[in-house]
């Protein structure tokens, strides 16, 4: 996880964590990054599949990192039926 976070380029990245243990892993890795690296990574409280699709579509439009994270988080409230 740490190596993946260190190689992020461009505008940054939105990270989705689906289980408690993955959240702990991401937070531990973020703590090892420099402040400049960590500020380009947003941890989103979003469902993994729906959030990833919403984030990917939003990112493809050139949206900001915060807008991409917001789209992922909004996917939590989309009704399935």
PDB file of N, CA and C in Angstrom:
ATOM      1  N   UNK A   1       0.822  -1.172   0.000  1.00  0.00           N
ATOM      2  CA  UNK A   1       0.000   0.000   0.000  1.00  0.00           C
ATOM      3  C   UNK A   1       0.876   1.248   0.000  1.00  0.00           C
ATOM      4  N   UNK A   2       1.871   1.267   0.839  1.00  0.00           N
ATOM      5  CA  UNK A   2       2.737   2.449   0.944  1.00  0.00           C
ATOM      6  C   UNK A   2       3.418   2.754  -0.380  1.00  0.00           C
ATOM      7  N   UNK A   3       3.955   1.746  -1.040  1.00  0.00           N
ATOM      8  CA  UNK A   3       4.634   1.966  -2.320  1.00  0.00           C
ATOM      9  C   UNK A   3       3.658   2.480  -3.375  1.00  0.00           C
ATOM     10  N   UNK A   4       2.450   1.955  -3.376  1.00  0.00           N
ATOM     11  CA  UNK A   4       1.445   2.425  -4.336  1.00  0.00           C
ATOM     12  C   UNK A   4       1.130   3.898  -4.092  1.00  0.00           C
ATOM     13  N   UNK A   5       0.978   4.283  -2.845  1.00  0.00           N
ATOM     14  CA  UNK A   5       0.684   5.680  -2.534  1.00  0.00           C
ATOM     15  C   UNK A   5       1.854   6.594  -2.896  1.00  0.00           C
ATOM     16  N   UNK A   6       3.062   6.106  -2.765  1.00  0.00           N
ATOM     17  CA  UNK A   6       4.233   6.924  -3.097  1.00  0.00           C
ATOM     18  C   UNK A   6       4.378   7.173  -4.595  1.00  0.00           C
ATOM     19  N   UNK A   7       3.788   6.337  -5.415  1.00  0.00           N
ATOM     20  CA  UNK A   7       3.956   6.477  -6.862  1.00  0.00           C
ATOM     21  C   UNK A   7       2.829   7.270  -7.528  1.00  0.00           C
ATOM     22  N   UNK A   8       1.922   7.807  -6.757  1.00  0.00           N
ATOM     23  CA  UNK A   8       0.812   8.576  -7.319  1.00  0.00           C
ATOM     24  C   UNK A   8       1.345   9.849  -7.952  1.00  0.00           C
ATOM     25  N   UNK A   9       0.875  10.104  -9.172  1.00  0.00           N
ATOM     26  CA  UNK A   9       1.286  11.335  -9.843  1.00  0.00           C
ATOM     27  C   UNK A   9       0.038  12.090 -10.305  1.00  0.00           C
ATOM     28  N   UNK A  10       0.227  13.103 -11.100  1.00  0.00           N
ATOM     29  CA  UNK A  10      -0.911  13.883 -11.578  1.00  0.00           C
ATOM     30  C   UNK A  10      -1.542  14.680 -10.458  1.00  0.00           C
ATOM     31  N   UNK A  11      -2.854  14.805 -10.518  1.00  0.00           N
ATOM     32  CA  UNK A  11      -3.589  15.613  -9.539  1.00  0.00           C
ATOM     33  C   UNK A  11      -3.654  14.953  -8.168  1.00  0.00           C
ATOM     34  N   UNK A  12      -3.443  13.641  -8.097  1.00  0.00           N
ATOM     35  CA  UNK A  12      -3.532  12.923  -6.839  1.00  0.00           C
ATOM     36  C   UNK A  12      -4.401  11.696  -6.992  1.00  0.00           C
ATOM     37  N   UNK A  13      -4.960  11.229  -5.877  1.00  0.00           N
ATOM     38  CA  UNK A  13      -5.769  10.008  -5.918  1.00  0.00           C
ATOM     39  C   UNK A  13      -6.816  10.011  -4.823  1.00  0.00           C
ATOM     40  N   UNK A  14      -7.909   9.350  -5.119  1.00  0.00           N
ATOM     41  CA  UNK A  14      -8.951   9.087  -4.137  1.00  0.00           C
ATOM     42  C   UNK A  14      -8.833   7.613  -3.780  1.00  0.00           C
ATOM     43  N   UNK A  15      -8.753   7.307  -2.506  1.00  0.00           N
ATOM     44  CA  UNK A  15      -8.612   5.930  -2.044  1.00  0.00           C
ATOM     45  C   UNK A  15      -9.916   5.501  -1.373  1.00  0.00           C
ATOM     46  N   UNK A  16     -10.433   4.360  -1.803  1.00  0.00           N
ATOM     47  CA  UNK A  16     -11.634   3.786  -1.208  1.00  0.00           C
ATOM     48  C   UNK A  16     -11.213   2.596  -0.348  1.00  0.00           C
ATOM     49  N   UNK A  17     -11.725   2.532   0.862  1.00  0.00           N
ATOM     50  CA  UNK A  17     -11.411   1.424   1.763  1.00  0.00           C
ATOM     51  C   UNK A  17     -12.719   0.764   2.168  1.00  0.00           C
ATOM     52  N   UNK A  18     -12.846  -0.527   1.906  1.00  0.00           N
ATOM     53  CA  UNK A  18     -14.125  -1.189   2.142  1.00  0.00           C
ATOM     54  C   UNK A  18     -14.243  -1.902   3.483  1.00  0.00           C
ATOM     55  N   UNK A  19     -13.147  -2.221   4.108  1.00  0.00           N
ATOM     56  CA  UNK A  19     -13.184  -2.933   5.390  1.00  0.00           C
ATOM     57  C   UNK A  19     -12.323  -2.198   6.415  1.00  0.00           C
ATOM     58  N   UNK A  20     -12.595  -2.449   7.663  1.00  0.00           N
ATOM     59  CA  UNK A  20     -11.834  -1.795   8.726  1.00  0.00           C
ATOM     60  C   UNK A  20     -10.337  -2.007   8.622  1.00  0.00           C
ATOM     61  N   UNK A  21      -9.918  -3.221   8.263  1.00  0.00           N
ATOM     62  CA  UNK A  21      -8.486  -3.497   8.177  1.00  0.00           C
ATOM     63  C   UNK A  21      -7.841  -2.739   7.022  1.00  0.00           C
ATOM     64  N   UNK A  22      -8.567  -2.572   5.921  1.00  0.00           N
ATOM     65  CA  UNK A  22      -7.998  -1.807   4.810  1.00  0.00           C
ATOM     66  C   UNK A  22      -7.908  -0.334   5.175  1.00  0.00           C
ATOM     67  N   UNK A  23      -8.851   0.159   5.934  1.00  0.00           N
ATOM     68  CA  UNK A  23      -8.804   1.538   6.401  1.00  0.00           C
ATOM     69  C   UNK A  23      -7.590   1.751   7.300  1.00  0.00           C
ATOM     70  N   UNK A  24      -7.332   0.813   8.170  1.00  0.00           N
ATOM     71  CA  UNK A  24      -6.157   0.910   9.040  1.00  0.00           C
ATOM     72  C   UNK A  24      -4.867   0.890   8.225  1.00  0.00           C
ATOM     73  N   UNK A  25      -4.816   0.050   7.200  1.00  0.00           N
ATOM     74  CA  UNK A  25      -3.627  -0.028   6.343  1.00  0.00           C
ATOM     75  C   UNK A  25      -3.385   1.286   5.613  1.00  0.00           C
ATOM     76  N   UNK A  26      -4.434   1.869   5.078  1.00  0.00           N
ATOM     77  CA  UNK A  26      -4.298   3.136   4.355  1.00  0.00           C
ATOM     78  C   UNK A  26      -3.857   4.237   5.302  1.00  0.00           C
ATOM     79  N   UNK A  27      -4.475   4.318   6.450  1.00  0.00           N
ATOM     80  CA  UNK A  27      -4.100   5.367   7.412  1.00  0.00           C
ATOM     81  C   UNK A  27      -2.653   5.207   7.871  1.00  0.00           C
ATOM     82  N   UNK A  28      -2.202   3.983   8.078  1.00  0.00           N
ATOM     83  CA  UNK A  28      -0.807   3.743   8.476  1.00  0.00           C
ATOM     84  C   UNK A  28       0.135   4.167   7.351  1.00  0.00           C
ATOM     85  N   UNK A  29      -0.223   3.854   6.123  1.00  0.00           N
ATOM     86  CA  UNK A  29       0.614   4.237   4.981  1.00  0.00           C
ATOM     87  C   UNK A  29       0.646   5.754   4.818  1.00  0.00           C
ATOM     88  N   UNK A  30      -0.488   6.408   4.968  1.00  0.00           N
ATOM     89  CA  UNK A  30      -0.533   7.872   4.854  1.00  0.00           C
ATOM     90  C   UNK A  30       0.365   8.543   5.887  1.00  0.00           C
ATOM     91  N   UNK A  31       0.453   7.949   7.059  1.00  0.00           N
ATOM     92  CA  UNK A  31       1.293   8.512   8.117  1.00  0.00           C
ATOM     93  C   UNK A  31       2.774   8.449   7.765  1.00  0.00           C
ATOM     94  N   UNK A  32       3.151   7.548   6.859  1.00  0.00           N
ATOM     95  CA  UNK A  32       4.543   7.399   6.448  1.00  0.00           C
ATOM     96  C   UNK A  32       4.935   8.334   5.302  1.00  0.00           C
ATOM     97  N   UNK A  33       3.969   8.978   4.686  1.00  0.00           N
ATOM     98  CA  UNK A  33       4.246   9.854   3.557  1.00  0.00           C
ATOM     99  C   UNK A  33       4.644  11.250   4.028  1.00  0.00           C
ATOM    100  N   UNK A  34       5.313  11.972   3.161  1.00  0.00           N
ATOM    101  CA  UNK A  34       5.613  13.370   3.463  1.00  0.00           C
ATOM    102  C   UNK A  34       4.304  14.156   3.403  1.00  0.00           C
ATOM    103  N   UNK A  35       4.248  15.308   4.049  1.00  0.00           N
ATOM    104  CA  UNK A  35       3.029  16.117   3.977  1.00  0.00           C
ATOM    105  C   UNK A  35       2.641  16.464   2.539  1.00  0.00           C
ATOM    106  N   UNK A  36       3.612  16.720   1.681  1.00  0.00           N
ATOM    107  CA  UNK A  36       3.321  17.052   0.283  1.00  0.00           C
ATOM    108  C   UNK A  36       2.681  15.870  -0.440  1.00  0.00           C
ATOM    109  N   UNK A  37       3.147  14.659  -0.148  1.00  0.00           N
ATOM    110  CA  UNK A  37       2.554  13.467  -0.771  1.00  0.00           C
ATOM    111  C   UNK A  37       1.155  13.217  -0.210  1.00  0.00           C
ATOM    112  N   UNK A  38       1.014  13.313   1.101  1.00  0.00           N
ATOM    113  CA  UNK A  38      -0.257  12.996   1.759  1.00  0.00           C
ATOM    114  C   UNK A  38      -1.364  13.961   1.365  1.00  0.00           C
ATOM    115  N   UNK A  39      -1.045  15.213   1.086  1.00  0.00           N
ATOM    116  CA  UNK A  39      -2.104  16.180   0.756  1.00  0.00           C
ATOM    117  C   UNK A  39      -2.718  15.925  -0.621  1.00  0.00           C
ATOM    118  N   UNK A  40      -2.087  15.091  -1.425  1.00  0.00           N
ATOM    119  CA  UNK A  40      -2.606  14.766  -2.752  1.00  0.00           C
ATOM    120  C   UNK A  40      -3.431  13.480  -2.751  1.00  0.00           C
ATOM    121  N   UNK A  41      -3.710  12.956  -1.570  1.00  0.00           N
ATOM    122  CA  UNK A  41      -4.462  11.710  -1.446  1.00  0.00           C
ATOM    123  C   UNK A  41      -5.675  11.963  -0.559  1.00  0.00           C
ATOM    124  N   UNK A  42      -6.844  11.582  -1.049  1.00  0.00           N
ATOM    125  CA  UNK A  42      -8.085  11.755  -0.300  1.00  0.00           C
ATOM    126  C   UNK A  42      -8.649  10.375   0.002  1.00  0.00           C
ATOM    127  N   UNK A  43      -8.941  10.132   1.255  1.00  0.00           N
ATOM    128  CA  UNK A  43      -9.567   8.875   1.673  1.00  0.00           C
ATOM    129  C   UNK A  43     -11.074   9.106   1.698  1.00  0.00           C
ATOM    130  N   UNK A  44     -11.802   8.392   0.856  1.00  0.00           N
ATOM    131  CA  UNK A  44     -13.249   8.587   0.729  1.00  0.00           C
ATOM    132  C   UNK A  44     -14.012   7.511   1.483  1.00  0.00           C
ATOM    133  N   UNK A  45     -15.044   7.933   2.173  1.00  0.00           N
ATOM    134  CA  UNK A  45     -15.948   7.026   2.875  1.00  0.00           C
ATOM    135  C   UNK A  45     -17.040   6.640   1.883  1.00  0.00           C
ATOM    136  N   UNK A  46     -16.737   5.660   1.061  1.00  0.00           N
ATOM    137  CA  UNK A  46     -17.630   5.307  -0.044  1.00  0.00           C
ATOM    138  C   UNK A  46     -17.652   3.798  -0.248  1.00  0.00           C
ATOM    139  N   UNK A  47     -18.737   3.289  -0.816  1.00  0.00           N
ATOM    140  CA  UNK A  47     -18.788   1.865  -1.156  1.00  0.00           C
ATOM    141  C   UNK A  47     -17.770   1.571  -2.255  1.00  0.00           C
ATOM    142  N   UNK A  48     -17.150   0.432  -2.191  1.00  0.00           N
ATOM    143  CA  UNK A  48     -16.047   0.116  -3.091  1.00  0.00           C
ATOM    144  C   UNK A  48     -16.457   0.103  -4.569  1.00  0.00           C
ATOM    145  N   UNK A  49     -17.420  -0.696  -4.945  1.00  0.00           N
ATOM    146  CA  UNK A  49     -17.775  -0.833  -6.359  1.00  0.00           C
ATOM    147  C   UNK A  49     -18.466   0.426  -6.881  1.00  0.00           C
ATOM    148  N   UNK A  50     -19.557   0.824  -6.242  1.00  0.00           N
ATOM    149  CA  UNK A  50     -20.302   1.989  -6.707  1.00  0.00           C
ATOM    150  C   UNK A  50     -19.454   3.255  -6.634  1.00  0.00           C
ATOM    151  N   UNK A  51     -18.672   3.376  -5.567  1.00  0.00           N
ATOM    152  CA  UNK A  51     -17.812   4.545  -5.401  1.00  0.00           C
ATOM    153  C   UNK A  51     -16.721   4.613  -6.444  1.00  0.00           C
ATOM    154  N   UNK A  52     -16.149   3.457  -6.783  1.00  0.00           N
ATOM    155  CA  UNK A  52     -15.086   3.428  -7.792  1.00  0.00           C
ATOM    156  C   UNK A  52     -15.631   3.828  -9.163  1.00  0.00           C
ATOM    157  N   UNK A  53     -16.815   3.355  -9.486  1.00  0.00           N
ATOM    158  CA  UNK A  53     -17.407   3.714 -10.780  1.00  0.00           C
ATOM    159  C   UNK A  53     -17.718   5.206 -10.823  1.00  0.00           C
ATOM    160  N   UNK A  54     -18.347   5.719  -9.774  1.00  0.00           N
ATOM    161  CA  UNK A  54     -18.683   7.146  -9.735  1.00  0.00           C
ATOM    162  C   UNK A  54     -17.421   7.999  -9.779  1.00  0.00           C
ATOM    163  N   UNK A  55     -16.401   7.596  -9.043  1.00  0.00           N
ATOM    164  CA  UNK A  55     -15.143   8.353  -9.027  1.00  0.00           C
ATOM    165  C   UNK A  55     -14.467   8.315 -10.390  1.00  0.00           C
ATOM    166  N   UNK A  56     -14.450   7.154 -11.016  1.00  0.00           N
ATOM    167  CA  UNK A  56     -13.819   7.030 -12.334  1.00  0.00           C
ATOM    168  C   UNK A  56     -14.497   7.872 -13.388  1.00  0.00           C
ATOM    169  N   UNK A  57     -15.819   7.852 -13.396  1.00  0.00           N
ATOM    170  CA  UNK A  57     -16.563   8.656 -14.368  1.00  0.00           C
ATOM    171  C   UNK A  57     -16.321  10.140 -14.126  1.00  0.00           C
ATOM    172  N   UNK A  58     -16.359  10.550 -12.878  1.00  0.00           N
ATOM    173  CA  UNK A  58     -16.151  11.964 -12.547  1.00  0.00           C
ATOM    174  C   UNK A  58     -14.729  12.395 -12.872  1.00  0.00           C
ATOM    175  N   UNK A  59     -13.752  11.560 -12.559  1.00  0.00           N
ATOM    176  CA  UNK A  59     -12.352  11.890 -12.855  1.00  0.00           C
ATOM    177  C   UNK A  59     -12.123  12.016 -14.354  1.00  0.00           C
ATOM    178  N   UNK A  60     -12.842  11.223 -15.143  1.00  0.00           N
ATOM    179  CA  UNK A  60     -12.653  11.262 -16.597  1.00  0.00           C
ATOM    180  C   UNK A  60     -13.100  12.586 -17.210  1.00  0.00           C
ATOM    181  N   UNK A  61     -13.869  13.360 -16.466  1.00  0.00           N
ATOM    182  CA  UNK A  61     -14.317  14.667 -16.957  1.00  0.00           C
ATOM    183  C   UNK A  61     -13.310  15.769 -16.642  1.00  0.00           C
ATOM    184  N   UNK A  62     -12.241  15.422 -15.920  1.00  0.00           N
ATOM    185  CA  UNK A  62     -11.251  16.423 -15.535  1.00  0.00           C
ATOM    186  C   UNK A  62     -11.596  17.139 -14.241  1.00  0.00           C
ATOM    187  N   UNK A  63     -12.524  16.583 -13.470  1.00  0.00           N
ATOM    188  CA  UNK A  63     -12.961  17.200 -12.217  1.00  0.00           C
ATOM    189  C   UNK A  63     -11.818  17.237 -11.200  1.00  0.00           C
ATOM    190  N   UNK A  64     -11.972  18.092 -10.218  1.00  0.00           N
ATOM    191  CA  UNK A  64     -10.974  18.208  -9.152  1.00  0.00           C
ATOM    192  C   UNK A  64     -10.972  16.959  -8.272  1.00  0.00           C
ATOM    193  N   UNK A  65      -9.908  16.794  -7.536  1.00  0.00           N
ATOM    194  CA  UNK A  65      -9.773  15.658  -6.630  1.00  0.00           C
ATOM    195  C   UNK A  65     -10.912  15.626  -5.612  1.00  0.00           C
ATOM    196  N   UNK A  66     -11.276  16.774  -5.089  1.00  0.00           N
ATOM    197  CA  UNK A  66     -12.351  16.824  -4.096  1.00  0.00           C
ATOM    198  C   UNK A  66     -13.706  16.485  -4.725  1.00  0.00           C
ATOM    199  N   UNK A  67     -13.920  16.886  -5.974  1.00  0.00           N
ATOM    200  CA  UNK A  67     -15.164  16.532  -6.659  1.00  0.00           C
ATOM    201  C   UNK A  67     -15.231  15.033  -6.940  1.00  0.00           C
ATOM    202  N   UNK A  68     -14.096  14.451  -7.253  1.00  0.00           N
ATOM    203  CA  UNK A  68     -14.039  13.003  -7.484  1.00  0.00           C
ATOM    204  C   UNK A  68     -14.362  12.266  -6.186  1.00  0.00           C
ATOM    205  N   UNK A  69     -13.789  12.710  -5.075  1.00  0.00           N
ATOM    206  CA  UNK A  69     -14.070  12.087  -3.777  1.00  0.00           C
ATOM    207  C   UNK A  69     -15.541  12.253  -3.410  1.00  0.00           C
ATOM    208  N   UNK A  70     -16.092  13.430  -3.675  1.00  0.00           N
ATOM    209  CA  UNK A  70     -17.509  13.671  -3.364  1.00  0.00           C
ATOM    210  C   UNK A  70     -18.411  12.749  -4.185  1.00  0.00           C
ATOM    211  N   UNK A  71     -18.081  12.551  -5.444  1.00  0.00           N
ATOM    212  CA  UNK A  71     -18.881  11.647  -6.283  1.00  0.00           C
ATOM    213  C   UNK A  71     -18.838  10.226  -5.733  1.00  0.00           C
ATOM    214  N   UNK A  72     -17.676   9.786  -5.298  1.00  0.00           N
ATOM    215  CA  UNK A  72     -17.554   8.442  -4.720  1.00  0.00           C
ATOM    216  C   UNK A  72     -18.407   8.321  -3.466  1.00  0.00           C
ATOM    217  N   UNK A  73     -18.356   9.337  -2.621  1.00  0.00           N
ATOM    218  CA  UNK A  73     -19.112   9.286  -1.361  1.00  0.00           C
ATOM    219  C   UNK A  73     -20.621   9.371  -1.603  1.00  0.00           C
ATOM    220  N   UNK A  74     -21.028  10.130  -2.613  1.00  0.00           N
ATOM    221  CA  UNK A  74     -22.456  10.234  -2.926  1.00  0.00           C
ATOM    222  C   UNK A  74     -23.034   8.893  -3.407  1.00  0.00           C
ATOM    223  N   UNK A  75     -22.192   8.029  -3.924  1.00  0.00           N
ATOM    224  CA  UNK A  75     -22.649   6.721  -4.402  1.00  0.00           C
ATOM    225  C   UNK A  75     -23.220   5.886  -3.264  1.00  0.00           C
ATOM    226  N   UNK A  76     -22.879   6.202  -2.048  1.00  0.00           N
ATOM    227  CA  UNK A  76     -23.404   5.476  -0.889  1.00  0.00           C
ATOM    228  C   UNK A  76     -24.929   5.617  -0.798  1.00  0.00           C
ATOM    229  N   UNK A  77     -25.456   6.730  -1.266  1.00  0.00           N
ATOM    230  CA  UNK A  77     -26.883   7.017  -1.109  1.00  0.00           C
ATOM    231  C   UNK A  77     -27.738   6.697  -2.323  1.00  0.00           C
ATOM    232  N   UNK A  78     -27.147   6.104  -3.342  1.00  0.00           N
ATOM    233  CA  UNK A  78     -27.904   5.773  -4.551  1.00  0.00           C
ATOM    234  C   UNK A  78     -28.715   4.500  -4.286  1.00  0.00           C
ATOM    235  N   UNK A  79     -30.028   4.588  -4.489  1.00  0.00           N
ATOM    236  CA  UNK A  79     -30.854   3.391  -4.247  1.00  0.00           C
ATOM    237  C   UNK A  79     -30.555   2.306  -5.276  1.00  0.00           C
ATOM    238  N   UNK A  80     -30.613   1.090  -4.852  1.00  0.00           N
ATOM    239  CA  UNK A  80     -30.343  -0.040  -5.728  1.00  0.00           C
ATOM    240  C   UNK A  80     -31.593  -0.481  -6.497  1.00  0.00           C
ATOM    241  N   UNK A  81     -32.757  -0.115  -6.003  1.00  0.00           N
ATOM    242  CA  UNK A  81     -34.016  -0.496  -6.663  1.00  0.00           C
ATOM    243  C   UNK A  81     -34.882   0.723  -6.834  1.00  0.00           C
TER     244      UNK A  81
END
